[in-house]
Amino acid sequence: MKKIIIIGYGNPDREDDGVAWHVVMALAGHYGVPVPDDLLEGFVPAGNSPDFYTSLQLTPEMADTIAEYDAVCFVDAHTGAVPDDLNIKRLEPGFQNSPFTHHMTPETCLSITQTIHQKEPAALLVSIRGYSFEFSHSLSMRTAALAGEAVKVIINWVDELLN
């Protein structure tokens, strides 16, 4: 069986920026993985397939975790800089320079995985449009609707990989 990990990242304290945490919670529930009572507890990899991981941001150390899987799905919020409210993109490893010291792209994370571990898992980015970034653990109605669509897309992707 293929090993799959879904990594949701963003700030769950900032409303729609935490959409990935909500998506990962819904996916875990769908696949029968115990869901924490508190959104902020999040997930760390536990050896399941699919497996789940939540974080405030991507880090170079995640390459060690990603190397253990055949496929990875990155889930994040976007602010409208991409044309689609629900942006689905297959990824290839590639270093991307960022002007922000605290920002790493999924492609760069995959590039580190490839360089250090000689592994190149199949990769997907699901980026969900955020509309409100206030201090809240709830999602705006528009982003919540998109999160539901994202869950369906990811379930289909996982099911295709597992069958």
Protein backbone atom coordinates (compact mmCIF):
# COMPACT_ATOMS: atom_id res chain seq x y z
CA MET A 1 0.00 0.00 0.00
CA LYS A 2 1.24 3.49 -0.82
CA LYS A 3 2.14 5.73 2.08
CA ILE A 4 0.53 9.15 1.83
CA ILE A 5 0.90 12.22 4.04
CA ILE A 6 -1.23 15.34 4.03
CA ILE A 7 0.52 18.42 5.42
CA GLY A 8 -1.65 21.37 6.38
CA TYR A 9 0.07 24.60 7.26
CA GLY A 10 -0.91 28.12 8.22
CA ASN A 11 -1.91 29.99 11.35
CA PRO A 12 -5.07 28.54 12.96
CA ASP A 13 -5.34 31.65 15.17
CA ARG A 14 -5.89 33.89 12.11
CA GLU A 15 -9.26 32.77 10.78
CA ASP A 16 -8.95 31.75 7.09
CA ASP A 17 -5.16 31.43 7.31
CA GLY A 18 -5.87 28.28 9.35
CA VAL A 19 -8.07 26.67 6.70
CA ALA A 20 -5.55 23.85 6.20
CA TRP A 21 -5.96 22.81 9.85
CA HIS A 22 -9.74 22.54 9.32
CA VAL A 23 -9.23 20.53 6.12
CA VAL A 24 -6.82 18.12 7.84
CA MET A 25 -9.26 17.65 10.74
CA ALA A 26 -12.06 16.81 8.29
CA LEU A 27 -9.84 14.40 6.35
CA ALA A 28 -8.68 12.66 9.51
CA GLY A 29 -12.30 12.19 10.56
CA HIS A 30 -13.16 10.81 7.13
CA TYR A 31 -10.36 8.23 7.35
CA GLY A 32 -11.20 7.22 10.93
CA VAL A 33 -8.18 8.85 12.56
CA PRO A 34 -8.95 10.28 16.02
CA VAL A 35 -9.53 14.02 15.77
CA PRO A 36 -8.36 16.26 18.64
CA ASP A 37 -11.05 18.13 20.57
CA ASP A 38 -9.08 21.33 20.13
CA LEU A 39 -8.08 22.56 16.66
CA LEU A 40 -4.76 23.81 18.03
CA GLU A 41 -3.65 20.33 19.10
CA GLY A 42 -3.09 19.51 15.45
CA PHE A 43 -1.47 16.38 14.08
CA VAL A 44 1.98 14.84 13.88
CA PRO A 45 2.73 11.84 11.64
CA ALA A 46 1.64 8.59 13.27
CA GLY A 47 2.40 5.98 10.61
CA ASN A 48 -1.06 5.92 9.06
CA SER A 49 -1.83 6.09 5.35
CA PRO A 50 -3.03 8.61 4.80
CA ASP A 51 -1.12 10.32 7.56
CA PHE A 52 -1.63 13.89 8.76
CA TYR A 53 0.65 16.71 9.84
CA THR A 54 -0.20 20.31 10.79
CA SER A 55 2.27 23.13 11.26
CA LEU A 56 2.43 26.90 11.25
CA GLN A 57 4.84 26.78 8.30
CA LEU A 58 6.95 24.44 6.22
CA THR A 59 10.47 23.80 7.51
CA PRO A 60 13.57 22.14 6.04
CA GLU A 61 13.30 19.38 8.66
CA MET A 62 10.04 18.22 7.08
CA ALA A 63 12.10 16.74 4.26
CA ASP A 64 13.03 13.87 6.61
CA THR A 65 9.35 13.13 7.19
CA ILE A 66 8.31 13.56 3.55
CA ALA A 67 11.01 11.09 2.46
CA GLU A 68 9.13 8.32 4.29
CA TYR A 69 6.09 8.65 2.01
CA ASP A 70 5.20 7.83 -1.60
CA ALA A 71 2.96 10.87 -1.95
CA VAL A 72 2.44 14.19 -0.19
CA CYS A 73 -0.39 16.71 -0.34
CA PHE A 74 0.32 20.24 0.88
CA VAL A 75 -2.70 22.27 2.01
CA ASP A 76 -2.53 26.02 2.55
CA ALA A 77 -4.50 29.26 2.29
CA HIS A 78 -3.90 31.89 -0.36
CA THR A 79 -4.98 35.52 -0.49
CA GLY A 80 -6.11 35.72 -4.09
CA ALA A 81 -2.69 35.98 -5.72
CA VAL A 82 -3.60 32.94 -7.83
CA PRO A 83 -6.58 33.01 -10.20
CA ASP A 84 -8.64 30.13 -8.77
CA ASP A 85 -10.31 30.23 -5.36
CA LEU A 86 -9.47 26.53 -5.04
CA ASN A 87 -6.10 26.08 -6.69
CA ILE A 88 -4.99 22.50 -7.34
CA LYS A 89 -1.45 22.01 -8.63
CA ARG A 90 0.78 18.99 -9.12
CA LEU A 91 4.27 19.81 -7.89
CA GLU A 92 7.83 19.05 -8.91
CA PRO A 93 10.89 19.59 -6.70
CA GLY A 94 12.56 22.94 -7.28
CA PHE A 95 14.32 25.49 -5.15
CA GLN A 96 12.41 28.76 -4.93
CA ASN A 97 14.02 31.78 -3.36
CA SER A 98 11.73 33.73 -1.09
CA PRO A 99 12.08 37.31 0.12
CA PHE A 100 10.66 36.19 3.46
CA THR A 101 12.96 34.45 5.93
CA HIS A 102 10.06 32.50 7.44
CA HIS A 103 8.58 31.23 4.18
CA MET A 104 9.42 27.97 2.42
CA THR A 105 7.50 26.72 -0.58
CA PRO A 106 6.34 23.13 -1.02
CA GLU A 107 8.57 22.88 -4.12
CA THR A 108 11.61 23.83 -2.03
CA CYS A 109 10.62 21.28 0.62
CA LEU A 110 10.43 18.64 -2.12
CA SER A 111 13.80 19.77 -3.49
CA ILE A 112 15.41 19.29 -0.08
CA THR A 113 13.79 15.84 0.15
CA GLN A 114 15.19 14.94 -3.27
CA THR A 115 18.68 16.29 -2.53
CA ILE A 116 19.12 14.75 0.91
CA HIS A 117 17.15 11.51 0.58
CA GLN A 118 17.07 10.91 -3.20
CA LYS A 119 13.27 10.58 -2.90
CA GLU A 120 10.67 12.28 -5.06
CA PRO A 121 7.16 11.52 -3.81
CA ALA A 122 4.18 12.40 -5.95
CA ALA A 123 3.07 15.83 -4.74
CA LEU A 124 -0.05 17.95 -4.85
CA LEU A 125 -0.72 21.47 -3.59
CA VAL A 126 -4.27 22.40 -2.60
CA SER A 127 -4.42 26.13 -1.99
CA ILE A 128 -7.67 27.59 -0.66
CA ARG A 129 -8.69 31.24 -0.94
CA GLY A 130 -8.88 33.06 2.37
CA TYR A 131 -11.09 36.11 2.72
CA SER A 132 -10.71 37.14 6.35
CA PHE A 133 -7.63 37.05 8.56
CA GLU A 134 -8.89 38.29 11.91
CA PHE A 135 -8.04 36.65 15.24
CA SER A 136 -10.38 33.67 15.27
CA HIS A 137 -10.30 29.88 15.01
CA SER A 138 -13.41 29.91 12.79
CA LEU A 139 -13.44 30.21 9.02
CA SER A 140 -15.32 32.79 7.00
CA MET A 141 -18.36 31.33 5.24
CA ARG A 142 -16.77 31.59 1.78
CA THR A 143 -13.55 29.88 2.85
CA ALA A 144 -15.46 27.21 4.79
CA ALA A 145 -17.34 26.32 1.59
CA LEU A 146 -14.05 26.09 -0.33
CA ALA A 147 -12.59 23.94 2.44
CA GLY A 148 -15.41 21.44 1.91
CA GLU A 149 -14.58 21.31 -1.81
CA ALA A 150 -10.88 20.86 -0.99
CA VAL A 151 -11.66 17.89 1.26
CA LYS A 152 -13.50 16.18 -1.62
CA VAL A 153 -10.60 16.83 -4.03
CA ILE A 154 -8.07 15.40 -1.59
CA ILE A 155 -10.20 12.34 -0.82
CA ASN A 156 -10.41 11.61 -4.56
CA TRP A 157 -6.64 12.06 -4.92
CA VAL A 158 -5.92 9.75 -1.97
CA ASP A 159 -8.40 7.13 -3.20
CA GLU A 160 -6.83 7.15 -6.68
CA LEU A 161 -3.39 6.59 -5.17
CA LEU A 162 -4.55 3.80 -2.88
CA ASN A 163 -6.49 1.90 -5.55
